[in-house]
Amino acid sequence: MRTVTYGAACSLDGFIAPTDGSMDWLHFSPEVQEYMSTYWASIDTMLMGRKTWEVAVGQGGGGGGGGTKGITTYVFSRTLDRVGHGAKLVREDAGEFVRHLKEQPGKGICVMGGGELAQSLFAAGVIDEVGLNVHPILLGAGVPFFRDAGRRISLELAESRVIDGGCVLSTYRVASRESGIGNRESKARRRRASGNRERGTGNRASLSG
């Protein structure tokens, strides 16, 4: 089955872009270029949400993989009528679409850019890896790398190394995908246990009185 990776450069406080969208905080180095060249060769599919797509097109990048030979770009949006630049528009449920995509022959799949698409894919349990290039800067506010997926997701460290500029390049593998049902059942058990403890405390208090 194909591997889905969500990755980006981010600040130490967890933002992938500041509120003004500037890029002057990003550190580019030969190490990053070498890493990205190797990574691009390992994928043939890129996934983007509407906002990331519009930013990429606005910067003249043709939507990233939309203009790159050998890479198919899918843009997920219910408001766009078309995307162009060689990309494909997806209006259906993102989780189910990616789940089906993973079963098809091909190379790796990259989730590009903002956290809203990643949020839905984490919730659906279809992301396999997380890669991040942590920059030594605190942006204070902006676009968060992670958004609440509605459940805990355990990760296993696969690689981590310090690179030029004091950046830390790390890759994590998703270790578990607890279902929302499982989380609700777990919360219900904790509530019952808490209630039992409170009743037990009340009983002990009445006995001691």
C-alpha atoms as a PDB file:
ATOM      1  CA  MET A   1       0.000   0.000   0.000  1.00  0.00           C
ATOM      2  CA  ARG A   2       1.227   3.505  -0.805  1.00  0.00           C
ATOM      3  CA  THR A   3       2.529   5.788   1.951  1.00  0.00           C
ATOM      4  CA  VAL A   4       0.857   9.137   2.666  1.00  0.00           C
ATOM      5  CA  THR A   5       3.190  11.744   4.191  1.00  0.00           C
ATOM      6  CA  TYR A   6       2.189  15.086   5.664  1.00  0.00           C
ATOM      7  CA  GLY A   7       5.123  17.446   5.915  1.00  0.00           C
ATOM      8  CA  ALA A   8       6.261  21.039   5.897  1.00  0.00           C
ATOM      9  CA  ALA A   9       8.760  23.505   7.282  1.00  0.00           C
ATOM     10  CA  CYS A  10       7.480  24.925  10.551  1.00  0.00           C
ATOM     11  CA  SER A  11       8.477  27.277  13.342  1.00  0.00           C
ATOM     12  CA  LEU A  12       9.404  26.012  16.788  1.00  0.00           C
ATOM     13  CA  ASP A  13       5.975  27.112  18.021  1.00  0.00           C
ATOM     14  CA  GLY A  14       4.226  25.034  15.366  1.00  0.00           C
ATOM     15  CA  PHE A  15       3.274  27.383  12.525  1.00  0.00           C
ATOM     16  CA  ILE A  16       3.870  26.725   8.828  1.00  0.00           C
ATOM     17  CA  ALA A  17       3.254  30.347   7.822  1.00  0.00           C
ATOM     18  CA  PRO A  18       2.962  33.665   9.688  1.00  0.00           C
ATOM     19  CA  THR A  19      -0.221  35.718   9.553  1.00  0.00           C
ATOM     20  CA  ASP A  20       1.145  37.911   6.742  1.00  0.00           C
ATOM     21  CA  GLY A  21       2.159  34.903   4.634  1.00  0.00           C
ATOM     22  CA  SER A  22       5.790  36.026   4.399  1.00  0.00           C
ATOM     23  CA  MET A  23       8.573  33.507   3.726  1.00  0.00           C
ATOM     24  CA  ASP A  24      11.614  35.417   4.952  1.00  0.00           C
ATOM     25  CA  TRP A  25      11.847  33.177   8.036  1.00  0.00           C
ATOM     26  CA  LEU A  26      12.519  30.038   5.973  1.00  0.00           C
ATOM     27  CA  HIS A  27      16.116  28.834   5.779  1.00  0.00           C
ATOM     28  CA  PHE A  28      17.188  27.254   2.488  1.00  0.00           C
ATOM     29  CA  SER A  29      20.353  25.168   2.346  1.00  0.00           C
ATOM     30  CA  PRO A  30      22.025  22.516   0.153  1.00  0.00           C
ATOM     31  CA  GLU A  31      21.007  19.888   2.737  1.00  0.00           C
ATOM     32  CA  VAL A  32      17.348  20.798   2.363  1.00  0.00           C
ATOM     33  CA  GLN A  33      17.633  20.800  -1.430  1.00  0.00           C
ATOM     34  CA  GLU A  34      19.239  17.350  -1.381  1.00  0.00           C
ATOM     35  CA  TYR A  35      16.581  15.998   0.974  1.00  0.00           C
ATOM     36  CA  MET A  36      13.732  17.414  -1.094  1.00  0.00           C
ATOM     37  CA  SER A  37      15.205  16.122  -4.367  1.00  0.00           C
ATOM     38  CA  THR A  38      15.292  12.623  -2.889  1.00  0.00           C
ATOM     39  CA  TYR A  39      11.780  13.004  -1.519  1.00  0.00           C
ATOM     40  CA  TRP A  40      10.257  14.301  -4.786  1.00  0.00           C
ATOM     41  CA  ALA A  41      11.721  11.278  -6.569  1.00  0.00           C
ATOM     42  CA  SER A  42       9.860   8.985  -4.151  1.00  0.00           C
ATOM     43  CA  ILE A  43       6.355  10.366  -4.822  1.00  0.00           C
ATOM     44  CA  ASP A  44       4.036  10.663  -7.787  1.00  0.00           C
ATOM     45  CA  THR A  45       0.987  12.247  -6.142  1.00  0.00           C
ATOM     46  CA  MET A  46       0.396  15.536  -4.324  1.00  0.00           C
ATOM     47  CA  LEU A  47      -2.680  16.503  -2.305  1.00  0.00           C
ATOM     48  CA  MET A  48      -3.660  20.118  -1.605  1.00  0.00           C
ATOM     49  CA  GLY A  49      -6.525  22.007  -0.048  1.00  0.00           C
ATOM     50  CA  ARG A  50      -8.014  25.060  -1.747  1.00  0.00           C
ATOM     51  CA  LYS A  51      -6.025  27.665   0.229  1.00  0.00           C
ATOM     52  CA  THR A  52      -2.667  25.986  -0.401  1.00  0.00           C
ATOM     53  CA  TRP A  53      -3.508  25.623  -4.074  1.00  0.00           C
ATOM     54  CA  GLU A  54      -4.399  29.299  -4.437  1.00  0.00           C
ATOM     55  CA  VAL A  55      -1.176  30.361  -2.695  1.00  0.00           C
ATOM     56  CA  ALA A  56       0.899  28.091  -4.927  1.00  0.00           C
ATOM     57  CA  VAL A  57      -0.744  29.388  -8.099  1.00  0.00           C
ATOM     58  CA  GLY A  58      -0.397  32.974  -6.884  1.00  0.00           C
ATOM     59  CA  GLN A  59       3.335  32.441  -6.453  1.00  0.00           C
ATOM     60  CA  GLY A  60       3.600  31.190 -10.021  1.00  0.00           C
ATOM     61  CA  GLY A  61       4.312  27.627  -8.974  1.00  0.00           C
ATOM     62  CA  GLY A  62       1.550  26.127 -11.047  1.00  0.00           C
ATOM     63  CA  GLY A  63       0.226  24.445  -7.941  1.00  0.00           C
ATOM     64  CA  GLY A  64       3.439  22.606  -7.177  1.00  0.00           C
ATOM     65  CA  GLY A  65       3.093  19.167  -8.681  1.00  0.00           C
ATOM     66  CA  GLY A  66       0.459  20.388 -11.111  1.00  0.00           C
ATOM     67  CA  GLY A  67       3.245  21.566 -13.360  1.00  0.00           C
ATOM     68  CA  THR A  68       5.803  18.884 -12.487  1.00  0.00           C
ATOM     69  CA  LYS A  69       6.335  15.955 -14.798  1.00  0.00           C
ATOM     70  CA  GLY A  70       5.456  12.636 -13.221  1.00  0.00           C
ATOM     71  CA  ILE A  71       3.448  14.111 -10.322  1.00  0.00           C
ATOM     72  CA  THR A  72      -0.347  14.214 -10.270  1.00  0.00           C
ATOM     73  CA  THR A  73      -1.867  16.944  -8.103  1.00  0.00           C
ATOM     74  CA  TYR A  74      -5.327  16.640  -6.543  1.00  0.00           C
ATOM     75  CA  VAL A  75      -6.969  19.771  -5.142  1.00  0.00           C
ATOM     76  CA  PHE A  76      -9.738  19.241  -2.578  1.00  0.00           C
ATOM     77  CA  SER A  77     -12.456  21.881  -2.653  1.00  0.00           C
ATOM     78  CA  ARG A  78     -16.234  22.143  -2.658  1.00  0.00           C
ATOM     79  CA  THR A  79     -16.194  25.778  -3.779  1.00  0.00           C
ATOM     80  CA  LEU A  80     -13.824  25.812  -6.766  1.00  0.00           C
ATOM     81  CA  ASP A  81     -15.306  25.118 -10.194  1.00  0.00           C
ATOM     82  CA  ARG A  82     -11.995  24.193 -11.806  1.00  0.00           C
ATOM     83  CA  VAL A  83      -8.276  24.256 -11.030  1.00  0.00           C
ATOM     84  CA  GLY A  84      -6.260  23.998 -14.252  1.00  0.00           C
ATOM     85  CA  HIS A  85      -2.441  23.813 -14.362  1.00  0.00           C
ATOM     86  CA  GLY A  86      -2.691  20.057 -14.927  1.00  0.00           C
ATOM     87  CA  ALA A  87      -4.242  19.437 -11.499  1.00  0.00           C
ATOM     88  CA  LYS A  88      -7.437  17.510 -10.759  1.00  0.00           C
ATOM     89  CA  LEU A  89     -10.313  18.828  -8.665  1.00  0.00           C
ATOM     90  CA  VAL A  90     -11.785  16.551  -5.977  1.00  0.00           C
ATOM     91  CA  ARG A  91     -15.162  17.390  -4.447  1.00  0.00           C
ATOM     92  CA  GLU A  92     -15.864  14.122  -2.646  1.00  0.00           C
ATOM     93  CA  ASP A  93     -14.929  13.161   0.918  1.00  0.00           C
ATOM     94  CA  ALA A  94     -11.147  13.581   1.245  1.00  0.00           C
ATOM     95  CA  GLY A  95     -10.625  10.649   3.609  1.00  0.00           C
ATOM     96  CA  GLU A  96     -12.434   8.116   1.443  1.00  0.00           C
ATOM     97  CA  PHE A  97     -10.787   9.425  -1.714  1.00  0.00           C
ATOM     98  CA  VAL A  98      -7.290   9.069  -0.247  1.00  0.00           C
ATOM     99  CA  ARG A  99      -8.111   5.674   1.241  1.00  0.00           C
ATOM    100  CA  HIS A 100      -8.992   4.453  -2.252  1.00  0.00           C
ATOM    101  CA  LEU A 101      -5.958   6.227  -3.742  1.00  0.00           C
ATOM    102  CA  LYS A 102      -3.609   4.375  -1.377  1.00  0.00           C
ATOM    103  CA  GLU A 103      -4.828   1.069  -2.750  1.00  0.00           C
ATOM    104  CA  GLN A 104      -3.893   1.984  -6.317  1.00  0.00           C
ATOM    105  CA  PRO A 105      -0.448   1.215  -7.794  1.00  0.00           C
ATOM    106  CA  GLY A 106       2.072   4.024  -7.550  1.00  0.00           C
ATOM    107  CA  LYS A 107       4.688   5.831  -5.494  1.00  0.00           C
ATOM    108  CA  GLY A 108       4.281   7.837  -2.302  1.00  0.00           C
ATOM    109  CA  ILE A 109       1.618  10.480  -1.709  1.00  0.00           C
ATOM    110  CA  CYS A 110       2.416  13.949  -0.338  1.00  0.00           C
ATOM    111  CA  VAL A 111      -0.040  16.084   1.640  1.00  0.00           C
ATOM    112  CA  MET A 112       1.122  19.606   0.872  1.00  0.00           C
ATOM    113  CA  GLY A 113       0.657  22.815   2.824  1.00  0.00           C
ATOM    114  CA  GLY A 114      -2.033  23.892   5.273  1.00  0.00           C
ATOM    115  CA  GLY A 115      -3.334  21.878   8.189  1.00  0.00           C
ATOM    116  CA  GLU A 116      -7.052  21.826   7.342  1.00  0.00           C
ATOM    117  CA  LEU A 117      -6.739  19.056   4.739  1.00  0.00           C
ATOM    118  CA  ALA A 118      -4.310  17.184   7.002  1.00  0.00           C
ATOM    119  CA  GLN A 119      -6.816  17.514   9.840  1.00  0.00           C
ATOM    120  CA  SER A 120      -9.494  15.667   7.881  1.00  0.00           C
ATOM    121  CA  LEU A 121      -7.013  13.031   6.680  1.00  0.00           C
ATOM    122  CA  PHE A 122      -5.705  12.428  10.206  1.00  0.00           C
ATOM    123  CA  ALA A 123      -9.309  12.080  11.367  1.00  0.00           C
ATOM    124  CA  ALA A 124      -9.899   9.527   8.610  1.00  0.00           C
ATOM    125  CA  GLY A 125      -6.758   7.599   9.599  1.00  0.00           C
ATOM    126  CA  VAL A 126      -5.092   7.685   6.168  1.00  0.00           C
ATOM    127  CA  ILE A 127      -1.846   9.562   6.954  1.00  0.00           C
ATOM    128  CA  ASP A 128       1.139   7.257   7.527  1.00  0.00           C
ATOM    129  CA  GLU A 129       4.044   9.632   8.133  1.00  0.00           C
ATOM    130  CA  VAL A 130       4.719  13.144   9.385  1.00  0.00           C
ATOM    131  CA  GLY A 131       7.821  15.005   8.224  1.00  0.00           C
ATOM    132  CA  LEU A 132       8.807  18.401   9.568  1.00  0.00           C
ATOM    133  CA  ASN A 133      11.701  20.787   9.215  1.00  0.00           C
ATOM    134  CA  VAL A 134      11.599  22.740  12.475  1.00  0.00           C
ATOM    135  CA  HIS A 135      13.126  26.217  12.205  1.00  0.00           C
ATOM    136  CA  PRO A 136      14.618  27.977  15.246  1.00  0.00           C
ATOM    137  CA  ILE A 137      12.113  30.810  15.310  1.00  0.00           C
ATOM    138  CA  LEU A 138       8.898  31.657  17.161  1.00  0.00           C
ATOM    139  CA  LEU A 139       6.343  33.159  14.779  1.00  0.00           C
ATOM    140  CA  GLY A 140       3.805  33.772  17.531  1.00  0.00           C
ATOM    141  CA  ALA A 141       0.763  33.314  15.279  1.00  0.00           C
ATOM    142  CA  GLY A 142      -0.168  32.093  11.827  1.00  0.00           C
ATOM    143  CA  VAL A 143      -1.216  28.880  10.112  1.00  0.00           C
ATOM    144  CA  PRO A 144      -0.824  25.951  12.542  1.00  0.00           C
ATOM    145  CA  PHE A 145       0.942  22.795  11.396  1.00  0.00           C
ATOM    146  CA  PHE A 146      -1.555  20.625  13.276  1.00  0.00           C
ATOM    147  CA  ARG A 147      -5.254  21.033  13.948  1.00  0.00           C
ATOM    148  CA  ASP A 148      -7.397  18.924  16.243  1.00  0.00           C
ATOM    149  CA  ALA A 149      -8.206  15.606  14.548  1.00  0.00           C
ATOM    150  CA  GLY A 150     -10.647  14.703  17.309  1.00  0.00           C
ATOM    151  CA  ARG A 151      -8.476  11.964  18.794  1.00  0.00           C
ATOM    152  CA  ARG A 152      -4.994  11.107  19.957  1.00  0.00           C
ATOM    153  CA  ILE A 153      -2.541   9.829  17.353  1.00  0.00           C
ATOM    154  CA  SER A 154       0.591   8.047  18.552  1.00  0.00           C
ATOM    155  CA  LEU A 155       3.777   8.536  16.548  1.00  0.00           C
ATOM    156  CA  GLU A 156       7.106   6.705  16.347  1.00  0.00           C
ATOM    157  CA  LEU A 157      10.307   8.593  15.561  1.00  0.00           C
ATOM    158  CA  ALA A 158      11.899   7.262  12.371  1.00  0.00           C
ATOM    159  CA  GLU A 159      14.631   9.867  11.854  1.00  0.00           C
ATOM    160  CA  SER A 160      15.837  13.133  13.332  1.00  0.00           C
ATOM    161  CA  ARG A 161      18.936  15.183  12.586  1.00  0.00           C
ATOM    162  CA  VAL A 162      20.180  18.730  12.910  1.00  0.00           C
ATOM    163  CA  ILE A 163      20.863  20.449   9.593  1.00  0.00           C
ATOM    164  CA  ASP A 164      22.234  23.788   8.480  1.00  0.00           C
ATOM    165  CA  GLY A 165      20.812  26.895  10.132  1.00  0.00           C
ATOM    166  CA  GLY A 166      19.994  25.120  13.377  1.00  0.00           C
ATOM    167  CA  CYS A 167      16.957  23.450  11.800  1.00  0.00           C
ATOM    168  CA  VAL A 168      15.879  19.978  12.907  1.00  0.00           C
ATOM    169  CA  LEU A 169      14.649  17.587  10.228  1.00  0.00           C
ATOM    170  CA  SER A 170      12.451  14.808  11.644  1.00  0.00           C
ATOM    171  CA  THR A 171      10.238  12.026  10.329  1.00  0.00           C
ATOM    172  CA  TYR A 172       7.613  10.245  12.416  1.00  0.00           C
ATOM    173  CA  ARG A 173       5.507   7.215  11.539  1.00  0.00           C
ATOM    174  CA  VAL A 174       1.906   6.958  12.669  1.00  0.00           C
ATOM    175  CA  ALA A 175       1.875   4.164  15.249  1.00  0.00           C
ATOM    176  CA  SER A 176      -1.827   3.946  15.994  1.00  0.00           C
ATOM    177  CA  ARG A 177      -5.087   5.271  14.645  1.00  0.00           C
ATOM    178  CA  GLU A 178      -7.572   5.193  17.510  1.00  0.00           C
ATOM    179  CA  SER A 179     -11.089   5.467  16.153  1.00  0.00           C
ATOM    180  CA  GLY A 180     -13.480   8.149  17.242  1.00  0.00           C
ATOM    181  CA  ILE A 181     -15.756   5.404  18.588  1.00  0.00           C
ATOM    182  CA  GLY A 182     -12.883   4.005  20.621  1.00  0.00           C
ATOM    183  CA  ASN A 183     -12.156   7.436  22.030  1.00  0.00           C
ATOM    184  CA  ARG A 184     -15.781   7.969  22.978  1.00  0.00           C
ATOM    185  CA  GLU A 185     -15.888   4.584  24.691  1.00  0.00           C
ATOM    186  CA  SER A 186     -12.637   5.362  26.496  1.00  0.00           C
ATOM    187  CA  LYS A 187     -14.008   8.726  27.662  1.00  0.00           C
ATOM    188  CA  ALA A 188     -17.206   7.042  28.822  1.00  0.00           C
ATOM    189  CA  ARG A 189     -15.173   4.508  30.829  1.00  0.00           C
ATOM    190  CA  ARG A 190     -13.158   7.337  32.416  1.00  0.00           C
ATOM    191  CA  ARG A 191     -16.350   9.186  33.333  1.00  0.00           C
ATOM    192  CA  ARG A 192     -17.804   6.023  34.909  1.00  0.00           C
ATOM    193  CA  ALA A 193     -14.568   5.404  36.805  1.00  0.00           C
ATOM    194  CA  SER A 194     -14.505   9.021  37.991  1.00  0.00           C
ATOM    195  CA  GLY A 195     -18.110   8.740  39.123  1.00  0.00           C
ATOM    196  CA  ASN A 196     -17.344   5.539  40.997  1.00  0.00           C
ATOM    197  CA  ARG A 197     -14.396   7.210  42.733  1.00  0.00           C
ATOM    198  CA  GLU A 198     -16.556  10.190  43.717  1.00  0.00           C
ATOM    199  CA  ARG A 199     -19.253   7.890  45.077  1.00  0.00           C
ATOM    200  CA  GLY A 200     -16.613   5.928  46.952  1.00  0.00           C
ATOM    201  CA  THR A 201     -15.223   9.128  48.452  1.00  0.00           C
ATOM    202  CA  GLY A 202     -18.713  10.185  49.483  1.00  0.00           C
ATOM    203  CA  ASN A 203     -19.353   6.802  51.059  1.00  0.00           C
ATOM    204  CA  ARG A 204     -16.087   6.977  53.018  1.00  0.00           C
ATOM    205  CA  ALA A 205     -16.905  10.513  54.156  1.00  0.00           C
ATOM    206  CA  SER A 206     -20.350   9.470  55.411  1.00  0.00           C
ATOM    207  CA  LEU A 207     -18.859   6.474  57.211  1.00  0.00           C
ATOM    208  CA  SER A 208     -16.192   8.612  58.861  1.00  0.00           C
ATOM    209  CA  GLY A 209     -18.841  11.139  59.920  1.00  0.00           C
END
